[in-house]
């Protein structure tokens, strides 16, 4: 399957216009998530540039049953296309069947559906290739630890929701990089989920510190958990220069933490670009146009040296 790379910069435009009014139902896994908020806003902003396009956006509140009900409601109201950011990537086969049986185009965004390689006609997936994210992140952690003169290093890994494909792939990326000869001096001493949450990331770090876990690197599946770890380390009076802290997503809060000298590594995931790309694909499918089954927006390594490039100016 040919994979298209879409430009990752925010200035990229997607060439698509609705020839007539289009009503698109959107089910987001969770509104209360910084990254997904940017994705949703990117979709809404792009919709404003498309004549006659209306979005009906629903919050699934991390509830699989609620999300399936939303899909059924979209179908009952005869929307022209559906966009889904899945709550549980292992539950997408049922969603695909609902849409396919109704003959309504469906686009998954950001989180890879378990059935990505067998999507029905008029269905597609728009996201970033997760193999890039954890790989870029961990290679930079490895480089920084080597640059510090470390001959041996211990890392703790904060994982996202284990029902989420991105969490599983990003965690495996970490292990794959550490298994290479040049990074094999790093040992993972703890590995637990904090469910993408800043609060849970802070709590998990507090537990590790109270258990006297020894480490000099924190590799988190996303920025929110990394920021939570930073908050706990600072609250415990730790010197942030003693740790390499890494996240993924390149959120504005993460960039602020990087500019403050607390976060060392992130990987920019173009949330707004994914939102635009998903709506672009949905509109094309609604008009009967051909769309690649997998549309990828590249990840980009973010370090203190280039962080300013990613800061959004109000």
Protein backbone atom coordinates (compact mmCIF):
# COMPACT_ATOMS: atom_id res chain seq x y z
CA UNK A 1 0.00 0.00 0.00
CA UNK A 2 1.50 3.30 -1.05
CA UNK A 3 1.78 5.72 1.85
CA UNK A 4 1.48 9.43 1.19
CA UNK A 5 3.48 11.82 3.30
CA UNK A 6 1.63 15.04 3.95
CA UNK A 7 3.63 18.13 4.82
CA UNK A 8 3.98 18.52 8.56
CA UNK A 9 4.23 22.27 8.79
CA UNK A 10 1.21 24.23 9.90
CA UNK A 11 1.20 26.25 6.70
CA UNK A 12 0.32 23.24 4.57
CA UNK A 13 -3.07 23.47 2.89
CA UNK A 14 -5.18 20.60 1.71
CA UNK A 15 -6.80 21.10 -1.68
CA UNK A 16 -10.38 20.00 -1.38
CA UNK A 17 -13.68 21.78 -1.57
CA UNK A 18 -17.18 20.62 -1.08
CA UNK A 19 -19.12 20.96 -4.29
CA UNK A 20 -22.27 20.97 -2.21
CA UNK A 21 -23.27 20.97 1.44
CA UNK A 22 -21.61 18.21 3.45
CA UNK A 23 -22.56 17.16 6.97
CA UNK A 24 -19.74 15.32 8.75
CA UNK A 25 -20.17 13.55 12.09
CA UNK A 26 -17.07 13.52 14.28
CA UNK A 27 -16.61 11.33 17.37
CA UNK A 28 -13.58 12.29 19.46
CA UNK A 29 -12.29 9.93 22.14
CA UNK A 30 -11.97 12.71 24.70
CA UNK A 31 -12.42 16.48 24.60
CA UNK A 32 -10.39 16.96 27.79
CA UNK A 33 -7.03 16.21 26.16
CA UNK A 34 -4.58 18.90 25.07
CA UNK A 35 -3.38 17.16 21.92
CA UNK A 36 -6.84 16.10 20.78
CA UNK A 37 -8.10 19.63 21.40
CA UNK A 38 -5.54 20.96 18.91
CA UNK A 39 -6.54 18.23 16.44
CA UNK A 40 -10.22 19.08 16.82
CA UNK A 41 -9.53 22.80 16.41
CA UNK A 42 -7.52 22.13 13.25
CA UNK A 43 -10.47 20.23 11.84
CA UNK A 44 -12.90 23.01 12.75
CA UNK A 45 -10.65 25.72 11.29
CA UNK A 46 -10.34 23.79 8.04
CA UNK A 47 -14.11 23.27 7.88
CA UNK A 48 -14.57 27.05 7.98
CA UNK A 49 -12.62 27.33 4.72
CA UNK A 50 -14.91 24.80 2.98
CA UNK A 51 -18.18 26.16 1.65
CA UNK A 52 -21.24 24.39 2.99
CA UNK A 53 -19.40 22.01 5.34
CA UNK A 54 -20.96 21.39 8.76
CA UNK A 55 -19.30 19.42 11.55
CA UNK A 56 -21.23 17.65 14.29
CA UNK A 57 -18.56 16.91 16.91
CA UNK A 58 -19.28 14.63 19.88
CA UNK A 59 -17.23 13.76 22.96
CA UNK A 60 -17.08 9.99 23.61
CA UNK A 61 -15.59 10.67 27.06
CA UNK A 62 -13.28 7.66 26.75
CA UNK A 63 -16.30 5.34 26.67
CA UNK A 64 -16.34 2.69 23.91
CA UNK A 65 -20.09 2.08 24.16
CA UNK A 66 -20.77 5.82 24.04
CA UNK A 67 -18.64 6.16 20.92
CA UNK A 68 -20.45 3.33 19.15
CA UNK A 69 -23.76 4.95 20.05
CA UNK A 70 -22.54 8.22 18.53
CA UNK A 71 -21.65 6.41 15.30
CA UNK A 72 -25.12 4.86 15.20
CA UNK A 73 -26.69 8.29 15.74
CA UNK A 74 -24.61 9.78 12.91
CA UNK A 75 -25.79 6.99 10.62
CA UNK A 76 -29.41 7.48 11.68
CA UNK A 77 -29.16 11.20 10.88
CA UNK A 78 -27.72 10.32 7.45
CA UNK A 79 -24.46 12.28 7.64
CA UNK A 80 -22.34 12.41 4.48
CA UNK A 81 -19.20 11.13 6.23
CA UNK A 82 -17.93 10.14 9.67
CA UNK A 83 -14.59 10.86 11.36
CA UNK A 84 -13.58 8.81 14.39
CA UNK A 85 -10.78 9.27 16.88
CA UNK A 86 -11.14 5.84 18.54
CA UNK A 87 -11.48 5.36 22.28
CA UNK A 88 -10.22 1.78 21.95
CA UNK A 89 -8.25 0.95 18.81
CA UNK A 90 -9.10 -2.74 19.29
CA UNK A 91 -12.82 -1.98 18.94
CA UNK A 92 -12.73 -0.39 15.49
CA UNK A 93 -13.80 -3.42 13.43
CA UNK A 94 -17.34 -3.03 14.74
CA UNK A 95 -17.33 0.70 13.94
CA UNK A 96 -16.09 0.03 10.41
CA UNK A 97 -18.88 -2.49 9.87
CA UNK A 98 -21.55 -0.06 11.05
CA UNK A 99 -20.40 2.59 8.59
CA UNK A 100 -19.80 0.15 5.72
CA UNK A 101 -23.24 -1.44 6.11
CA UNK A 102 -24.77 2.04 5.97
CA UNK A 103 -22.67 3.02 2.95
CA UNK A 104 -21.26 6.07 4.73
CA UNK A 105 -17.55 7.00 4.29
CA UNK A 106 -15.47 6.73 7.45
CA UNK A 107 -12.07 8.19 8.34
CA UNK A 108 -10.11 7.24 11.45
CA UNK A 109 -7.81 9.95 12.77
CA UNK A 110 -4.70 9.88 15.00
CA UNK A 111 -5.19 6.46 16.59
CA UNK A 112 -4.57 3.47 14.34
CA UNK A 113 -7.54 1.10 14.09
CA UNK A 114 -6.83 -2.59 14.65
CA UNK A 115 -8.30 -3.31 11.21
CA UNK A 116 -6.19 -0.70 9.40
CA UNK A 117 -4.95 -3.24 6.84
CA UNK A 118 -8.45 -4.47 6.00
CA UNK A 119 -10.53 -1.30 5.96
CA UNK A 120 -13.67 -1.53 3.82
CA UNK A 121 -14.13 0.60 0.71
CA UNK A 122 -14.63 4.31 1.41
CA UNK A 123 -12.65 4.13 4.66
CA UNK A 124 -9.20 5.57 5.46
CA UNK A 125 -6.77 6.34 8.28
CA UNK A 126 -5.02 9.70 8.79
CA UNK A 127 -2.29 9.99 11.41
CA UNK A 128 1.46 9.92 11.91
CA UNK A 129 3.58 6.77 11.69
CA UNK A 130 4.12 5.79 15.32
CA UNK A 131 7.29 3.89 14.46
CA UNK A 132 8.89 7.29 13.93
CA UNK A 133 7.80 8.80 17.24
CA UNK A 134 9.30 6.57 19.90
CA UNK A 135 12.33 5.90 17.69
CA UNK A 136 13.20 9.59 17.27
CA UNK A 137 12.55 10.18 20.97
CA UNK A 138 14.68 7.35 22.31
CA UNK A 139 17.59 7.88 19.91
CA UNK A 140 17.84 11.46 21.18
CA UNK A 141 17.67 10.27 24.80
CA UNK A 142 20.49 7.84 24.00
CA UNK A 143 22.55 10.61 22.39
CA UNK A 144 22.07 12.96 25.35
CA UNK A 145 23.03 10.29 27.88
CA UNK A 146 26.16 9.49 25.89
CA UNK A 147 27.01 13.18 25.64
CA UNK A 148 26.78 13.41 29.43
CA UNK A 149 29.47 10.75 29.69
CA UNK A 150 27.20 8.01 31.01
CA UNK A 151 28.60 4.49 30.56
CA UNK A 152 25.51 2.95 32.15
CA UNK A 153 22.06 4.50 32.42
CA UNK A 154 18.70 3.57 33.92
CA UNK A 155 15.39 4.68 32.44
CA UNK A 156 11.78 4.63 33.60
CA UNK A 157 9.07 4.40 30.95
CA UNK A 158 5.65 6.02 31.28
CA UNK A 159 3.13 4.39 28.96
CA UNK A 160 -0.18 5.68 27.61
CA UNK A 161 -3.42 3.71 27.75
CA UNK A 162 -2.56 0.11 26.94
CA UNK A 163 -5.75 -0.23 24.88
CA UNK A 164 -4.26 2.37 22.55
CA UNK A 165 -2.11 1.26 19.62
CA UNK A 166 0.10 4.34 19.87
CA UNK A 167 1.08 3.51 23.45
CA UNK A 168 2.03 -0.02 22.52
CA UNK A 169 4.04 1.00 19.45
CA UNK A 170 5.82 3.89 21.16
CA UNK A 171 6.82 1.63 24.04
CA UNK A 172 8.12 -1.00 21.64
CA UNK A 173 10.05 1.71 19.79
CA UNK A 174 11.83 2.53 23.05
CA UNK A 175 12.78 -1.09 23.59
CA UNK A 176 13.91 -1.53 19.99
CA UNK A 177 16.27 1.45 20.19
CA UNK A 178 17.66 0.34 23.55
CA UNK A 179 18.30 -3.11 22.06
CA UNK A 180 20.70 -1.62 19.49
CA UNK A 181 24.44 -1.85 20.26
CA UNK A 182 24.91 1.92 20.46
CA UNK A 183 22.15 2.34 23.08
CA UNK A 184 22.39 -0.97 24.96
CA UNK A 185 24.03 0.81 27.93
CA UNK A 186 20.52 1.96 28.90
CA UNK A 187 18.45 -0.32 31.12
CA UNK A 188 14.70 0.03 31.72
CA UNK A 189 14.16 -0.28 35.47
CA UNK A 190 10.43 0.55 35.63
CA UNK A 191 7.65 0.56 33.06
CA UNK A 192 4.08 1.49 33.98
CA UNK A 193 1.04 3.19 32.48
CA UNK A 194 -0.04 6.69 33.42
CA UNK A 195 -2.85 6.77 30.81
CA UNK A 196 -1.58 9.84 28.90
CA UNK A 197 -2.39 11.95 31.99
CA UNK A 198 -0.27 14.69 33.59
CA UNK A 199 -1.83 13.99 36.99
CA UNK A 200 -1.26 10.25 36.74
CA UNK A 201 2.27 10.87 35.47
CA UNK A 202 2.98 12.98 38.55
CA UNK A 203 1.50 10.32 40.84
CA UNK A 204 3.50 7.54 39.18
CA UNK A 205 6.73 9.51 39.52
CA UNK A 206 5.96 10.20 43.18
CA UNK A 207 5.50 6.45 43.73
CA UNK A 208 8.81 5.65 42.05
CA UNK A 209 10.62 8.26 44.11
CA UNK A 210 9.07 7.02 47.35
CA UNK A 211 10.15 3.48 46.38
CA UNK A 212 13.72 4.78 45.88
CA UNK A 213 13.84 3.75 42.23
CA UNK A 214 17.18 4.86 40.77
CA UNK A 215 17.10 6.32 37.25
CA UNK A 216 18.53 9.13 35.18
CA UNK A 217 16.09 9.16 32.25
CA UNK A 218 12.32 9.41 31.96
CA UNK A 219 10.90 8.30 28.60
CA UNK A 220 7.19 9.06 28.40
CA UNK A 221 4.77 8.10 25.61
CA UNK A 222 3.48 11.69 25.58
CA UNK A 223 4.29 15.18 26.84
CA UNK A 224 1.55 15.29 29.45
CA UNK A 225 3.02 12.37 31.40
CA UNK A 226 6.51 13.82 31.02
CA UNK A 227 5.31 17.15 32.45
CA UNK A 228 3.71 15.31 35.37
CA UNK A 229 7.02 13.57 36.02
CA UNK A 230 8.82 16.92 35.97
CA UNK A 231 6.35 18.39 38.47
CA UNK A 232 6.95 15.53 40.91
CA UNK A 233 10.73 15.62 40.51
CA UNK A 234 10.80 19.34 41.20
CA UNK A 235 8.41 18.98 44.14
CA UNK A 236 10.81 16.41 45.59
CA UNK A 237 13.67 18.89 45.27
CA UNK A 238 15.48 16.99 42.54
CA UNK A 239 17.99 18.73 40.28
CA UNK A 240 16.54 18.53 36.77
CA UNK A 241 20.06 18.56 35.32
CA UNK A 242 20.48 15.03 36.71
CA UNK A 243 17.76 13.67 34.42
CA UNK A 244 16.97 13.40 30.74
CA UNK A 245 13.20 13.86 30.33
CA UNK A 246 11.49 12.96 27.06
CA UNK A 247 7.93 13.19 25.80
CA UNK A 248 6.05 13.10 22.51
CA UNK A 249 3.61 15.50 20.78
CA UNK A 250 5.36 18.88 20.91
CA UNK A 251 2.49 20.54 22.77
CA UNK A 252 2.72 24.19 23.76
CA UNK A 253 3.02 23.24 27.45
CA UNK A 254 5.86 20.90 26.55
CA UNK A 255 7.64 23.63 24.63
CA UNK A 256 7.31 25.93 27.65
CA UNK A 257 8.83 23.20 29.85
CA UNK A 258 11.65 22.80 27.33
CA UNK A 259 12.37 26.52 27.25
CA UNK A 260 12.43 26.47 31.06
CA UNK A 261 15.16 23.82 30.90
CA UNK A 262 13.06 20.99 32.34
CA UNK A 263 12.08 18.93 29.27
CA UNK A 264 14.92 17.73 27.06
CA UNK A 265 13.18 15.95 24.19
CA UNK A 266 9.82 15.91 22.46
CA UNK A 267 8.59 14.80 19.06
CA UNK A 268 6.20 17.11 17.23
CA UNK A 269 3.03 15.45 16.05
CA UNK A 270 1.08 17.80 13.83
CA UNK A 271 -2.32 17.57 15.51
CA UNK A 272 -3.86 20.37 13.46
CA UNK A 273 -2.47 18.81 10.29
CA UNK A 274 -4.05 15.48 11.17
CA UNK A 275 -7.38 17.21 11.79
CA UNK A 276 -7.25 18.95 8.42
CA UNK A 277 -6.12 15.78 6.68
CA UNK A 278 -8.94 13.72 8.19
CA UNK A 279 -11.61 16.20 7.11
CA UNK A 280 -10.03 16.52 3.67
CA UNK A 281 -10.15 12.73 3.25
CA UNK A 282 -13.75 12.55 4.52
CA UNK A 283 -14.92 15.23 2.08
CA UNK A 284 -13.20 13.52 -0.84
CA UNK A 285 -14.72 10.14 0.05
CA UNK A 286 -18.15 11.76 0.38
CA UNK A 287 -17.79 13.02 -3.20
CA UNK A 288 -16.74 9.60 -4.44
CA UNK A 289 -13.09 10.53 -4.92
CA UNK A 290 -10.25 8.11 -4.31
CA UNK A 291 -8.22 8.46 -1.10
CA UNK A 292 -5.19 6.45 0.01
CA UNK A 293 -6.04 4.02 2.80
CA UNK A 294 -3.20 5.38 4.93
CA UNK A 295 -2.25 9.05 4.96
CA UNK A 296 0.74 9.92 7.15
CA UNK A 297 1.82 13.30 8.54
CA UNK A 298 5.53 13.09 9.54
CA UNK A 299 6.82 13.38 13.10
CA UNK A 300 9.63 15.88 13.82
CA UNK A 301 12.23 15.77 16.61
CA UNK A 302 12.00 18.76 18.97
CA UNK A 303 14.99 19.82 21.09
CA UNK A 304 15.92 23.03 22.93
CA UNK A 305 17.82 24.08 19.80
CA UNK A 306 14.75 24.17 17.55
CA UNK A 307 11.87 24.49 20.02
CA UNK A 308 11.10 28.10 19.05
CA UNK A 309 10.10 26.87 15.60
CA UNK A 310 7.10 25.09 17.09
CA UNK A 311 5.84 27.78 19.46
CA UNK A 312 2.46 29.15 18.40
CA UNK A 313 2.33 32.93 18.71
CA UNK A 314 -0.99 34.34 19.85
